Amino acid sequence: MLALGADVLQMFLLPLVLGGAMSPVDDVIDVVVALALSWLVGWHWAFLPAFIAEIVPFVDLVPSWTIATLIATRDAGEPAPRT
C-alpha cells in the first residue's frame, strides 16, 4: 500500500514532481519511500532501479515503486524448500 500510495501521490502532484531529480518534492517522497520499503520488506535489488527511474524526468511517470514492491514480495508467501 505504501508503494502504491507513493506512486498515486506523485501522479496527483505531477506539476511539482515533473522535473525528476530537479524536484525537491519528488526527491523527498522517493527517499522516504525507499527507506520505508527497505525497512518493511528488507533490501531487494528491485528497489535500486526503481529509485533510479524516479530520478529521470518522464520515466518517473511509471509506477516504479509499485512494480519494485511486487517483484520484491512475489515469493514472500511460499515456504522455503526443505533439504
N, C-alpha and C. Protein backbone atom coordinates (compact mmCIF):
# COMPACT_ATOMS: atom_id res chain seq x y z
N MET A 1 0.82 -1.19 0.00
CA MET A 1 0.00 0.00 0.00
C MET A 1 0.86 1.26 0.00
N LEU A 2 2.01 1.18 0.66
CA LEU A 2 2.91 2.34 0.71
C LEU A 2 3.42 2.68 -0.69
N ALA A 3 3.86 1.68 -1.44
CA ALA A 3 4.38 1.92 -2.78
C ALA A 3 3.30 2.45 -3.70
N LEU A 4 2.12 1.86 -3.64
CA LEU A 4 1.01 2.31 -4.46
C LEU A 4 0.61 3.73 -4.08
N GLY A 5 0.58 4.01 -2.80
CA GLY A 5 0.25 5.37 -2.34
C GLY A 5 1.26 6.40 -2.81
N ALA A 6 2.53 6.05 -2.78
CA ALA A 6 3.57 6.98 -3.24
C ALA A 6 3.43 7.25 -4.73
N ASP A 7 3.17 6.20 -5.52
CA ASP A 7 3.01 6.39 -6.96
C ASP A 7 1.78 7.24 -7.28
N VAL A 8 0.69 7.01 -6.57
CA VAL A 8 -0.53 7.80 -6.78
C VAL A 8 -0.29 9.25 -6.36
N LEU A 9 0.39 9.45 -5.23
CA LEU A 9 0.70 10.80 -4.77
C LEU A 9 1.54 11.55 -5.81
N GLN A 10 2.52 10.88 -6.38
CA GLN A 10 3.36 11.53 -7.39
C GLN A 10 2.57 11.84 -8.65
N MET A 11 1.57 11.04 -8.97
CA MET A 11 0.73 11.34 -10.13
C MET A 11 -0.16 12.56 -9.87
N PHE A 12 -0.68 12.66 -8.64
CA PHE A 12 -1.51 13.82 -8.30
C PHE A 12 -0.69 15.09 -8.18
N LEU A 13 0.55 14.97 -7.78
CA LEU A 13 1.44 16.13 -7.65
C LEU A 13 2.28 16.33 -8.90
N LEU A 14 1.80 15.86 -10.03
CA LEU A 14 2.58 15.87 -11.27
C LEU A 14 3.26 17.19 -11.58
N PRO A 15 2.58 18.34 -11.47
CA PRO A 15 3.30 19.59 -11.78
C PRO A 15 4.49 19.84 -10.86
N LEU A 16 4.42 19.36 -9.63
CA LEU A 16 5.52 19.58 -8.68
C LEU A 16 6.66 18.57 -8.84
N VAL A 17 6.36 17.39 -9.37
CA VAL A 17 7.37 16.32 -9.44
C VAL A 17 7.83 16.03 -10.86
N LEU A 18 7.38 16.80 -11.82
CA LEU A 18 7.69 16.53 -13.23
C LEU A 18 9.18 16.65 -13.53
N GLY A 19 9.90 17.41 -12.76
CA GLY A 19 11.31 17.63 -13.02
C GLY A 19 12.23 16.47 -12.67
N GLY A 20 11.70 15.40 -12.10
CA GLY A 20 12.55 14.26 -11.73
C GLY A 20 13.52 14.66 -10.64
N ALA A 21 14.81 14.55 -10.90
CA ALA A 21 15.84 14.85 -9.89
C ALA A 21 15.89 16.33 -9.54
N MET A 22 15.32 17.17 -10.38
CA MET A 22 15.34 18.62 -10.11
C MET A 22 14.21 19.05 -9.18
N SER A 23 13.33 18.13 -8.80
CA SER A 23 12.19 18.46 -7.94
C SER A 23 12.46 18.02 -6.51
N PRO A 24 12.57 18.96 -5.58
CA PRO A 24 12.81 18.57 -4.18
C PRO A 24 11.63 17.80 -3.58
N VAL A 25 10.40 18.08 -4.01
CA VAL A 25 9.24 17.34 -3.52
C VAL A 25 9.35 15.88 -3.92
N ASP A 26 9.70 15.63 -5.16
CA ASP A 26 9.86 14.27 -5.67
C ASP A 26 10.99 13.54 -4.95
N ASP A 27 12.07 14.26 -4.71
CA ASP A 27 13.22 13.66 -4.03
C ASP A 27 12.86 13.22 -2.60
N VAL A 28 12.14 14.06 -1.89
CA VAL A 28 11.75 13.74 -0.52
C VAL A 28 10.84 12.51 -0.50
N ILE A 29 9.85 12.48 -1.40
CA ILE A 29 8.95 11.34 -1.48
C ILE A 29 9.73 10.07 -1.77
N ASP A 30 10.65 10.12 -2.75
CA ASP A 30 11.39 8.93 -3.15
C ASP A 30 12.32 8.42 -2.05
N VAL A 31 12.99 9.30 -1.36
CA VAL A 31 13.90 8.87 -0.29
C VAL A 31 13.11 8.26 0.87
N VAL A 32 12.00 8.88 1.24
CA VAL A 32 11.17 8.35 2.32
C VAL A 32 10.62 6.98 1.94
N VAL A 33 10.13 6.85 0.72
CA VAL A 33 9.56 5.57 0.28
C VAL A 33 10.65 4.50 0.20
N ALA A 34 11.82 4.84 -0.32
CA ALA A 34 12.91 3.86 -0.41
C ALA A 34 13.31 3.36 0.97
N LEU A 35 13.45 4.26 1.92
CA LEU A 35 13.82 3.86 3.28
C LEU A 35 12.71 3.04 3.94
N ALA A 36 11.47 3.47 3.76
CA ALA A 36 10.35 2.75 4.38
C ALA A 36 10.19 1.35 3.79
N LEU A 37 10.30 1.22 2.48
CA LEU A 37 10.16 -0.09 1.86
C LEU A 37 11.31 -1.01 2.24
N SER A 38 12.51 -0.47 2.33
CA SER A 38 13.65 -1.28 2.75
C SER A 38 13.49 -1.75 4.19
N TRP A 39 12.90 -0.92 5.03
CA TRP A 39 12.66 -1.30 6.41
C TRP A 39 11.54 -2.32 6.52
N LEU A 40 10.46 -2.13 5.75
CA LEU A 40 9.30 -3.02 5.84
C LEU A 40 9.54 -4.37 5.15
N VAL A 41 10.11 -4.34 3.95
CA VAL A 41 10.25 -5.55 3.14
C VAL A 41 11.65 -6.14 3.27
N GLY A 42 12.61 -5.30 3.58
CA GLY A 42 14.01 -5.71 3.54
C GLY A 42 14.61 -5.27 2.22
N TRP A 43 15.91 -5.19 2.17
CA TRP A 43 16.56 -4.74 0.94
C TRP A 43 16.32 -5.75 -0.18
N HIS A 44 15.99 -5.25 -1.35
CA HIS A 44 15.83 -6.09 -2.54
C HIS A 44 16.42 -5.33 -3.71
N TRP A 45 17.02 -6.06 -4.64
CA TRP A 45 17.68 -5.44 -5.79
C TRP A 45 16.70 -4.62 -6.62
N ALA A 46 15.41 -4.92 -6.62
CA ALA A 46 14.42 -4.21 -7.43
C ALA A 46 14.23 -2.76 -6.99
N PHE A 47 14.59 -2.44 -5.74
CA PHE A 47 14.42 -1.08 -5.26
C PHE A 47 15.43 -0.12 -5.89
N LEU A 48 16.60 -0.59 -6.25
CA LEU A 48 17.62 0.28 -6.83
C LEU A 48 17.20 0.81 -8.21
N PRO A 49 16.78 -0.04 -9.17
CA PRO A 49 16.32 0.52 -10.45
C PRO A 49 15.08 1.41 -10.29
N ALA A 50 14.22 1.09 -9.32
CA ALA A 50 13.04 1.92 -9.09
C ALA A 50 13.46 3.31 -8.63
N PHE A 51 14.42 3.37 -7.74
CA PHE A 51 14.91 4.67 -7.25
C PHE A 51 15.55 5.46 -8.38
N ILE A 52 16.34 4.80 -9.20
CA ILE A 52 16.98 5.48 -10.33
C ILE A 52 15.94 5.95 -11.34
N ALA A 53 14.93 5.14 -11.60
CA ALA A 53 13.87 5.52 -12.54
C ALA A 53 13.11 6.74 -12.04
N GLU A 54 12.97 6.88 -10.74
CA GLU A 54 12.25 8.02 -10.19
C GLU A 54 13.03 9.33 -10.35
N ILE A 55 14.32 9.25 -10.59
CA ILE A 55 15.13 10.45 -10.76
C ILE A 55 15.02 11.00 -12.19
N VAL A 56 14.77 10.15 -13.16
CA VAL A 56 14.76 10.54 -14.57
C VAL A 56 13.40 11.16 -14.93
N PRO A 57 13.40 12.39 -15.47
CA PRO A 57 12.13 13.00 -15.85
C PRO A 57 11.38 12.15 -16.88
N PHE A 58 10.08 12.12 -16.74
CA PHE A 58 9.13 11.38 -17.58
C PHE A 58 9.19 9.87 -17.37
N VAL A 59 10.33 9.32 -16.99
CA VAL A 59 10.38 7.89 -16.65
C VAL A 59 9.72 7.70 -15.29
N ASP A 60 9.76 8.73 -14.46
CA ASP A 60 9.15 8.64 -13.14
C ASP A 60 7.62 8.60 -13.19
N LEU A 61 7.03 8.71 -14.36
CA LEU A 61 5.58 8.59 -14.50
C LEU A 61 5.12 7.14 -14.42
N VAL A 62 6.03 6.20 -14.62
CA VAL A 62 5.73 4.78 -14.48
C VAL A 62 5.65 4.47 -12.99
N PRO A 63 4.70 3.64 -12.55
CA PRO A 63 4.59 3.32 -11.12
C PRO A 63 5.71 2.38 -10.66
N SER A 64 6.92 2.89 -10.64
CA SER A 64 8.09 2.05 -10.39
C SER A 64 8.14 1.50 -8.97
N TRP A 65 7.66 2.26 -7.96
CA TRP A 65 7.68 1.74 -6.59
C TRP A 65 6.74 0.56 -6.44
N THR A 66 5.59 0.64 -7.10
CA THR A 66 4.63 -0.46 -7.03
C THR A 66 5.20 -1.70 -7.72
N ILE A 67 5.79 -1.52 -8.87
CA ILE A 67 6.38 -2.65 -9.61
C ILE A 67 7.52 -3.28 -8.80
N ALA A 68 8.38 -2.44 -8.23
CA ALA A 68 9.51 -2.95 -7.45
C ALA A 68 9.03 -3.72 -6.22
N THR A 69 7.97 -3.23 -5.58
CA THR A 69 7.44 -3.93 -4.41
C THR A 69 6.82 -5.26 -4.80
N LEU A 70 6.13 -5.30 -5.92
CA LEU A 70 5.58 -6.57 -6.40
C LEU A 70 6.69 -7.57 -6.69
N ILE A 71 7.76 -7.11 -7.28
CA ILE A 71 8.91 -8.00 -7.56
C ILE A 71 9.54 -8.48 -6.25
N ALA A 72 9.71 -7.57 -5.31
CA ALA A 72 10.38 -7.91 -4.05
C ALA A 72 9.56 -8.85 -3.18
N THR A 73 8.25 -8.82 -3.32
CA THR A 73 7.41 -9.63 -2.44
C THR A 73 6.71 -10.79 -3.16
N ARG A 74 7.04 -11.06 -4.38
CA ARG A 74 6.30 -12.07 -5.15
C ARG A 74 6.46 -13.48 -4.60
N ASP A 75 7.54 -13.79 -3.92
CA ASP A 75 7.74 -15.12 -3.36
C ASP A 75 7.62 -15.13 -1.84
N ALA A 76 7.10 -14.08 -1.26
CA ALA A 76 7.08 -13.96 0.20
C ALA A 76 6.14 -14.96 0.86
N GLY A 77 5.10 -15.42 0.18
CA GLY A 77 4.15 -16.31 0.80
C GLY A 77 4.49 -17.78 0.67
N GLU A 78 5.52 -18.14 -0.09
CA GLU A 78 5.88 -19.52 -0.29
C GLU A 78 6.88 -19.99 0.76
N PRO A 79 6.66 -21.16 1.34
CA PRO A 79 7.64 -21.67 2.31
C PRO A 79 8.94 -22.07 1.63
N ALA A 80 9.99 -22.01 2.38
CA ALA A 80 11.30 -22.41 1.85
C ALA A 80 11.32 -23.94 1.66
N PRO A 81 11.98 -24.41 0.62
CA PRO A 81 12.05 -25.86 0.40
C PRO A 81 12.88 -26.53 1.49
N ARG A 82 12.46 -27.73 1.85
CA ARG A 82 13.19 -28.50 2.86
C ARG A 82 14.34 -29.23 2.21
N THR A 83 15.42 -29.31 2.92
CA THR A 83 16.59 -30.04 2.39
C THR A 83 16.85 -31.29 3.18
